[in-house]
């Protein structure tokens, strides 16, 4: 009877450790996902800024060409 109780205690300890490891792994994965989201948003912001700059330069070129043709 004592042996069964001891085995049950060992199994409970192992299961508890496995649960703790699983939670740590999930927290680590959650943090990695947050970091990837932040990187993605940062890159998107840089791409949008570059695109706006390109469009703005295109309009400026158009305005310059239009003015040159008026004179």
C-alpha atoms as a PDB file:
ATOM      1  CA  UNK A   1       0.000   0.000   0.000  1.00  0.00           C
ATOM      2  CA  UNK A   2       2.842   2.342   0.881  1.00  0.00           C
ATOM      3  CA  UNK A   3       4.532   1.535  -2.399  1.00  0.00           C
ATOM      4  CA  UNK A   4       1.408   2.469  -4.375  1.00  0.00           C
ATOM      5  CA  UNK A   5       1.078   5.729  -2.469  1.00  0.00           C
ATOM      6  CA  UNK A   6       4.736   6.479  -3.137  1.00  0.00           C
ATOM      7  CA  UNK A   7       4.301   5.725  -6.854  1.00  0.00           C
ATOM      8  CA  UNK A   8       1.229   7.958  -6.967  1.00  0.00           C
ATOM      9  CA  UNK A   9       3.195  10.769  -5.328  1.00  0.00           C
ATOM     10  CA  UNK A  10       6.026  10.346  -7.818  1.00  0.00           C
ATOM     11  CA  UNK A  11       3.604  10.357 -10.742  1.00  0.00           C
ATOM     12  CA  UNK A  12       1.914  13.466  -9.384  1.00  0.00           C
ATOM     13  CA  UNK A  13       5.292  15.184  -9.059  1.00  0.00           C
ATOM     14  CA  UNK A  14       6.221  14.229 -12.616  1.00  0.00           C
ATOM     15  CA  UNK A  15       2.864  15.393 -13.986  1.00  0.00           C
ATOM     16  CA  UNK A  16       3.184  18.648 -12.056  1.00  0.00           C
ATOM     17  CA  UNK A  17       6.660  19.237 -13.484  1.00  0.00           C
ATOM     18  CA  UNK A  18       5.401  18.441 -16.985  1.00  0.00           C
ATOM     19  CA  UNK A  19       2.551  20.925 -16.535  1.00  0.00           C
ATOM     20  CA  UNK A  20       4.954  23.614 -15.322  1.00  0.00           C
ATOM     21  CA  UNK A  21       7.251  22.978 -18.299  1.00  0.00           C
ATOM     22  CA  UNK A  22       4.281  23.175 -20.649  1.00  0.00           C
ATOM     23  CA  UNK A  23       3.195  26.496 -19.186  1.00  0.00           C
ATOM     24  CA  UNK A  24       6.713  27.908 -19.478  1.00  0.00           C
ATOM     25  CA  UNK A  25       6.894  26.772 -23.078  1.00  0.00           C
ATOM     26  CA  UNK A  26       3.519  28.377 -23.838  1.00  0.00           C
ATOM     27  CA  UNK A  27       4.611  31.651 -22.242  1.00  0.00           C
ATOM     28  CA  UNK A  28       7.812  31.567 -24.269  1.00  0.00           C
ATOM     29  CA  UNK A  29       5.840  30.972 -27.463  1.00  0.00           C
ATOM     30  CA  UNK A  30       3.434  33.783 -26.604  1.00  0.00           C
ATOM     31  CA  UNK A  31       6.352  36.154 -26.108  1.00  0.00           C
ATOM     32  CA  UNK A  32       7.901  35.084 -29.403  1.00  0.00           C
ATOM     33  CA  UNK A  33       4.580  35.734 -31.154  1.00  0.00           C
ATOM     34  CA  UNK A  34       4.360  39.219 -29.614  1.00  0.00           C
ATOM     35  CA  UNK A  35       7.903  39.965 -30.755  1.00  0.00           C
ATOM     36  CA  UNK A  36       7.144  38.768 -34.290  1.00  0.00           C
ATOM     37  CA  UNK A  37       4.005  40.904 -34.356  1.00  0.00           C
ATOM     38  CA  UNK A  38       6.002  43.955 -33.286  1.00  0.00           C
ATOM     39  CA  UNK A  39       8.624  43.298 -35.957  1.00  0.00           C
ATOM     40  CA  UNK A  40       5.934  42.858 -38.593  1.00  0.00           C
ATOM     41  CA  UNK A  41       4.243  46.114 -37.623  1.00  0.00           C
ATOM     42  CA  UNK A  42       7.556  47.933 -37.686  1.00  0.00           C
ATOM     43  CA  UNK A  43       8.374  46.618 -41.162  1.00  0.00           C
ATOM     44  CA  UNK A  44       4.865  47.502 -42.360  1.00  0.00           C
ATOM     45  CA  UNK A  45       5.328  51.040 -41.062  1.00  0.00           C
ATOM     46  CA  UNK A  46       8.651  51.343 -42.862  1.00  0.00           C
ATOM     47  CA  UNK A  47       7.102  50.023 -46.085  1.00  0.00           C
ATOM     48  CA  UNK A  48       4.217  52.486 -45.828  1.00  0.00           C
ATOM     49  CA  UNK A  49       6.606  55.383 -45.250  1.00  0.00           C
ATOM     50  CA  UNK A  50       8.696  54.338 -48.258  1.00  0.00           C
ATOM     51  CA  UNK A  51       5.588  53.982 -50.412  1.00  0.00           C
ATOM     52  CA  UNK A  52       4.325  57.420 -49.376  1.00  0.00           C
ATOM     53  CA  UNK A  53       7.721  58.899 -50.161  1.00  0.00           C
ATOM     54  CA  UNK A  54       7.708  57.261 -53.599  1.00  0.00           C
ATOM     55  CA  UNK A  55       4.176  58.449 -54.367  1.00  0.00           C
ATOM     56  CA  UNK A  56       5.023  61.943 -53.149  1.00  0.00           C
ATOM     57  CA  UNK A  57       8.090  62.062 -55.363  1.00  0.00           C
ATOM     58  CA  UNK A  58       6.001  60.871 -58.312  1.00  0.00           C
ATOM     59  CA  UNK A  59       3.492  63.669 -57.784  1.00  0.00           C
ATOM     60  CA  UNK A  60       6.333  66.167 -57.474  1.00  0.00           C
ATOM     61  CA  UNK A  61       7.799  64.938 -60.755  1.00  0.00           C
ATOM     62  CA  UNK A  62       4.362  65.216 -62.376  1.00  0.00           C
ATOM     63  CA  UNK A  63       3.917  68.783 -61.118  1.00  0.00           C
ATOM     64  CA  UNK A  64       7.363  69.764 -62.360  1.00  0.00           C
ATOM     65  CA  UNK A  65       6.696  68.255 -65.794  1.00  0.00           C
ATOM     66  CA  UNK A  66       3.281  69.919 -65.974  1.00  0.00           C
ATOM     67  CA  UNK A  67       4.738  73.335 -65.148  1.00  0.00           C
ATOM     68  CA  UNK A  68       7.499  72.900 -67.720  1.00  0.00           C
ATOM     69  CA  UNK A  69       4.931  72.257 -70.439  1.00  0.00           C
ATOM     70  CA  UNK A  70       2.895  75.342 -69.489  1.00  0.00           C
ATOM     71  CA  UNK A  71       5.735  77.748 -70.273  1.00  0.00           C
END
